[in-house]
Amino acid sequence: MIAVPTTSGTGSEVARGAILIVDGGRKLGFHSWHLVPKAAICDPELTLGLPPLLTAATGMDAIAHCMETFMAPAFNPPADGIALDGLWRGWAHIERATRDGSDRDARLAMMSASMQGAMAFQKGLGCVHSLSHSLGGVNPRLHHGTLNAVFLPAVIAFNASAESLQKEERMTRMAKAMGLNKSDEIGPAIQAMNARLGLPGGLAEMGVTEAMFDAIVTGALADHCHTTGPRLASAQDYRDMLLQSM
């Protein structure tokens, strides 16, 4: 199997995951080393025609991968280095790629960030993906990368007090990669970036209601990313993050 990506977001060309949406509307995830392609051809020329909104949503997916895997507490310095460099590339170029789809340098940086995020997230992810996987199952029409972008600020605020992040100054290191002065600027910077990219400002704009929370929380607690973040979220923690993301 040779993978040739035409978006810069999932990084599935170097990952062991696959998603199927079946006739009943359920979104099923599969993980197996047999799904890893034997080769990946990453040609940013193939993304030049990607529409702006899809460029933004898939780009924030790649950025979310880099950020969440860097926050994951598992010991894997090579993955951390790849994720931090991918975050720098993605954050510095996503607006350029969205504003001008013919910008080859920006498209190259986003394709690299996408690949790097997926190479690194073999280490683990966290609550962003637990929530987006679950909500994507409740309503498969919602775009995964867009959900990640919306959930990131609330999850970053939740993770901030984790001992593993403070011990190695991971929040400060992410802020530096994003060109920010302090770690508490990360969440607001992501919200501002989402707005500039034309992405939804919250879940309510995507048709999500509080009546869906029970199903989302149940799915998040059962998700394979639930246990790999720097803090283990409770059902109430997930509800709080959902409310903050509305």
Protein backbone atom coordinates (compact mmCIF):
# COMPACT_ATOMS: atom_id res chain seq x y z
CA MET A 1 0.00 0.00 0.00
CA ILE A 2 1.34 3.40 -1.06
CA ALA A 3 -0.41 6.45 0.45
CA VAL A 4 -0.65 9.76 -1.40
CA PRO A 5 -2.30 12.46 0.78
CA THR A 6 -4.27 15.25 -0.88
CA THR A 7 -4.97 17.19 2.34
CA SER A 8 -2.63 18.34 5.11
CA GLY A 9 -4.27 17.26 8.33
CA THR A 10 -4.77 13.64 9.30
CA GLY A 11 -1.29 12.34 8.58
CA SER A 12 -2.85 8.96 7.88
CA GLU A 13 -0.16 8.26 5.30
CA VAL A 14 2.22 7.47 8.19
CA ALA A 15 -0.31 6.30 10.79
CA ARG A 16 -1.91 3.04 11.82
CA GLY A 17 -5.49 4.32 11.99
CA ALA A 18 -8.42 4.22 9.60
CA ILE A 19 -11.98 5.55 9.82
CA LEU A 20 -15.07 4.09 8.19
CA ILE A 21 -18.54 5.67 8.24
CA VAL A 22 -21.01 2.83 7.83
CA ASP A 23 -24.51 2.99 6.35
CA GLY A 24 -26.18 3.46 9.73
CA GLY A 25 -24.18 6.65 10.25
CA ARG A 26 -21.77 5.28 12.85
CA LYS A 27 -18.13 6.33 12.55
CA LEU A 28 -15.84 3.36 13.25
CA GLY A 29 -12.14 3.65 14.06
CA PHE A 30 -9.58 0.93 13.44
CA HIS A 31 -5.99 0.70 14.65
CA SER A 32 -3.52 -1.85 13.34
CA TRP A 33 0.12 -1.84 12.31
CA HIS A 34 -1.10 -3.64 9.16
CA LEU A 35 -2.73 -0.34 8.11
CA VAL A 36 0.57 1.55 7.99
CA PRO A 37 1.44 2.19 4.33
CA LYS A 38 4.68 0.76 2.98
CA ALA A 39 5.48 4.12 1.42
CA ALA A 40 4.09 7.65 1.51
CA ILE A 41 4.36 10.19 -1.29
CA CYS A 42 3.85 13.63 0.27
CA ASP A 43 3.60 16.12 -2.57
CA PRO A 44 2.27 19.56 -1.53
CA GLU A 45 1.42 20.25 -5.19
CA LEU A 46 -1.57 17.94 -4.68
CA THR A 47 -3.02 20.31 -2.06
CA LEU A 48 -2.86 23.52 -4.12
CA GLY A 49 -6.55 23.23 -5.06
CA LEU A 50 -7.82 22.56 -1.54
CA PRO A 51 -10.53 25.13 -0.66
CA PRO A 52 -9.72 27.68 2.08
CA LEU A 53 -12.10 26.33 4.74
CA LEU A 54 -10.90 22.75 4.26
CA THR A 55 -7.30 23.99 4.30
CA ALA A 56 -7.99 25.68 7.64
CA ALA A 57 -9.85 22.74 9.20
CA THR A 58 -7.35 20.10 8.15
CA GLY A 59 -4.48 22.39 9.11
CA MET A 60 -5.85 22.80 12.63
CA ASP A 61 -6.15 19.01 12.78
CA ALA A 62 -2.41 18.75 12.17
CA ILE A 63 -1.69 21.45 14.76
CA ALA A 64 -3.92 19.67 17.29
CA HIS A 65 -2.00 16.43 16.71
CA CYS A 66 1.32 18.17 17.35
CA MET A 67 0.09 19.95 20.46
CA GLU A 68 -1.75 17.08 22.06
CA THR A 69 0.97 14.52 21.54
CA PHE A 70 3.54 16.97 22.95
CA MET A 71 1.39 17.25 26.08
CA ALA A 72 1.00 13.48 26.43
CA PRO A 73 3.11 12.25 29.38
CA ALA A 74 4.62 9.11 27.82
CA PHE A 75 8.42 9.23 27.61
CA ASN A 76 9.34 9.63 23.95
CA PRO A 77 11.79 12.51 23.30
CA PRO A 78 12.04 11.85 19.52
CA ALA A 79 8.25 12.13 19.19
CA ASP A 80 8.31 15.31 21.28
CA GLY A 81 10.91 16.89 19.02
CA ILE A 82 8.99 15.98 15.88
CA ALA A 83 5.74 17.32 17.36
CA LEU A 84 7.24 20.62 18.52
CA ASP A 85 8.84 21.29 15.13
CA GLY A 86 5.55 20.35 13.42
CA LEU A 87 3.68 22.78 15.65
CA TRP A 88 6.08 25.57 14.71
CA ARG A 89 5.67 24.85 10.98
CA GLY A 90 1.90 24.51 11.13
CA TRP A 91 1.24 27.56 13.29
CA ALA A 92 3.55 29.78 11.24
CA HIS A 93 2.04 28.82 7.88
CA ILE A 94 -1.65 27.89 8.27
CA GLU A 95 -2.89 31.43 7.65
CA ARG A 96 -0.74 31.79 4.56
CA ALA A 97 -1.93 28.47 3.15
CA THR A 98 -5.56 29.35 3.86
CA ARG A 99 -5.33 32.88 2.44
CA ASP A 100 -3.37 31.88 -0.68
CA GLY A 101 -3.74 28.25 -1.67
CA SER A 102 -1.08 28.63 -4.36
CA ASP A 103 1.62 29.48 -1.78
CA ARG A 104 3.87 26.47 -2.29
CA ASP A 105 6.10 27.17 0.70
CA ALA A 106 3.08 27.34 3.01
CA ARG A 107 1.60 24.18 1.49
CA LEU A 108 4.91 22.37 2.01
CA ALA A 109 5.06 23.46 5.65
CA MET A 110 1.48 22.30 6.28
CA MET A 111 2.06 18.93 4.64
CA SER A 112 5.15 18.47 6.78
CA ALA A 113 3.26 19.47 9.94
CA SER A 114 0.55 16.95 9.07
CA MET A 115 3.02 14.13 8.57
CA GLN A 116 4.99 15.08 11.68
CA GLY A 117 1.87 15.17 13.83
CA ALA A 118 0.93 11.64 12.84
CA MET A 119 4.46 10.33 13.27
CA ALA A 120 4.50 11.80 16.78
CA PHE A 121 1.01 10.81 17.93
CA GLN A 122 1.98 7.18 18.08
CA LYS A 123 3.04 8.38 21.56
CA GLY A 124 -0.56 9.20 22.53
CA LEU A 125 -3.10 12.02 22.37
CA GLY A 126 -5.70 13.08 24.94
CA CYS A 127 -9.00 14.78 25.72
CA VAL A 128 -9.21 16.78 22.49
CA HIS A 129 -9.39 13.58 20.51
CA SER A 130 -11.53 11.72 23.05
CA LEU A 131 -14.15 14.44 22.64
CA SER A 132 -13.84 14.90 18.88
CA HIS A 133 -13.92 11.15 18.23
CA SER A 134 -17.03 10.81 20.39
CA LEU A 135 -18.87 13.82 18.97
CA GLY A 136 -17.90 12.75 15.45
CA GLY A 137 -19.64 9.46 16.19
CA VAL A 138 -22.74 11.18 17.54
CA ASN A 139 -22.90 13.33 14.40
CA PRO A 140 -20.63 11.93 11.64
CA ARG A 141 -21.25 15.01 9.48
CA LEU A 142 -19.10 17.14 11.79
CA HIS A 143 -15.53 17.61 10.57
CA HIS A 144 -12.87 16.09 12.83
CA GLY A 145 -10.28 18.83 12.37
CA THR A 146 -12.84 21.56 13.02
CA LEU A 147 -13.87 19.84 16.25
CA ASN A 148 -10.23 19.59 17.33
CA ALA A 149 -9.78 23.32 16.73
CA VAL A 150 -12.83 24.16 18.84
CA PHE A 151 -11.92 21.79 21.69
CA LEU A 152 -8.24 22.76 21.97
CA PRO A 153 -8.59 25.89 24.19
CA ALA A 154 -10.73 24.15 26.83
CA VAL A 155 -8.52 21.08 26.92
CA ILE A 156 -5.34 23.14 27.16
CA ALA A 157 -6.84 24.98 30.15
CA PHE A 158 -7.73 21.62 31.73
CA ASN A 159 -4.26 20.19 31.11
CA ALA A 160 -2.34 23.24 32.31
CA SER A 161 -2.09 22.11 35.94
CA ALA A 162 -0.77 18.64 35.08
CA GLU A 163 2.45 17.87 36.94
CA SER A 164 4.09 16.30 33.89
CA LEU A 165 3.60 19.51 31.89
CA GLN A 166 4.94 21.75 34.62
CA LYS A 167 7.93 19.52 35.31
CA GLU A 168 9.30 19.89 31.79
CA GLU A 169 7.83 23.35 31.06
CA ARG A 170 5.90 21.90 28.14
CA MET A 171 3.32 24.67 27.99
CA THR A 172 6.04 27.31 27.86
CA ARG A 173 7.86 25.38 25.12
CA MET A 174 4.67 25.18 23.05
CA ALA A 175 4.06 28.90 23.52
CA LYS A 176 7.58 29.63 22.29
CA ALA A 177 7.04 27.47 19.19
CA MET A 178 3.89 29.50 18.49
CA GLY A 179 5.68 32.83 18.89
CA LEU A 180 3.84 33.66 22.13
CA ASN A 181 5.27 35.20 25.29
CA LYS A 182 3.49 33.15 27.95
CA SER A 183 1.77 29.78 28.19
CA ASP A 184 -1.55 31.32 29.27
CA GLU A 185 -1.71 33.00 25.85
CA ILE A 186 -2.04 29.67 24.03
CA GLY A 187 -5.80 29.15 24.43
CA PRO A 188 -6.78 32.71 23.43
CA ALA A 189 -4.33 32.55 20.51
CA ILE A 190 -6.03 29.41 19.19
CA GLN A 191 -9.47 31.02 19.52
CA ALA A 192 -8.23 34.08 17.65
CA MET A 193 -6.64 31.89 14.97
CA ASN A 194 -9.88 29.94 14.51
CA ALA A 195 -11.73 33.23 14.00
CA ARG A 196 -9.21 34.52 11.46
CA LEU A 197 -9.41 31.24 9.55
CA GLY A 198 -13.20 31.40 9.39
CA LEU A 199 -13.76 28.34 11.58
CA PRO A 200 -16.71 28.12 14.01
CA GLY A 201 -16.37 30.01 17.26
CA GLY A 202 -17.96 27.20 19.25
CA LEU A 203 -19.91 23.96 19.17
CA ALA A 204 -23.29 25.71 19.14
CA GLU A 205 -22.51 27.10 15.68
CA MET A 206 -22.07 23.49 14.55
CA GLY A 207 -25.48 22.42 15.80
CA VAL A 208 -24.31 20.82 19.04
CA THR A 209 -26.73 21.08 21.99
CA GLU A 210 -26.44 20.24 25.68
CA ALA A 211 -28.93 17.41 25.09
CA MET A 212 -26.10 15.60 23.28
CA PHE A 213 -23.65 15.89 26.19
CA ASP A 214 -24.44 12.56 27.87
CA ALA A 215 -23.73 10.60 24.69
CA ILE A 216 -20.57 12.61 23.98
CA VAL A 217 -19.22 12.11 27.51
CA THR A 218 -19.96 8.38 27.45
CA GLY A 219 -18.08 8.03 24.18
CA ALA A 220 -15.17 10.15 25.38
CA LEU A 221 -14.69 8.04 28.50
CA ALA A 222 -14.56 4.91 26.33
CA ASP A 223 -12.23 6.37 23.70
CA HIS A 224 -8.70 5.01 23.29
CA CYS A 225 -7.26 8.53 23.74
CA HIS A 226 -8.94 9.01 27.13
CA THR A 227 -6.10 7.53 29.18
CA THR A 228 -3.08 8.93 27.28
CA GLY A 229 -3.35 12.63 28.18
CA PRO A 230 -1.49 14.40 31.00
CA ARG A 231 -4.64 14.50 33.18
CA LEU A 232 -7.32 11.82 33.44
CA ALA A 233 -10.67 13.52 32.89
CA SER A 234 -13.81 12.58 34.78
CA ALA A 235 -17.31 12.69 33.33
CA GLN A 236 -17.81 16.10 34.95
CA ASP A 237 -14.49 17.33 33.52
CA TYR A 238 -15.67 16.40 30.04
CA ARG A 239 -19.01 18.16 30.61
CA ASP A 240 -17.16 21.27 31.75
CA MET A 241 -14.94 21.19 28.64
CA LEU A 242 -18.01 20.81 26.44
CA LEU A 243 -19.67 23.80 28.09
CA GLN A 244 -16.53 25.90 27.69
CA SER A 245 -16.41 24.94 24.00
CA MET A 246 -20.02 25.91 23.23
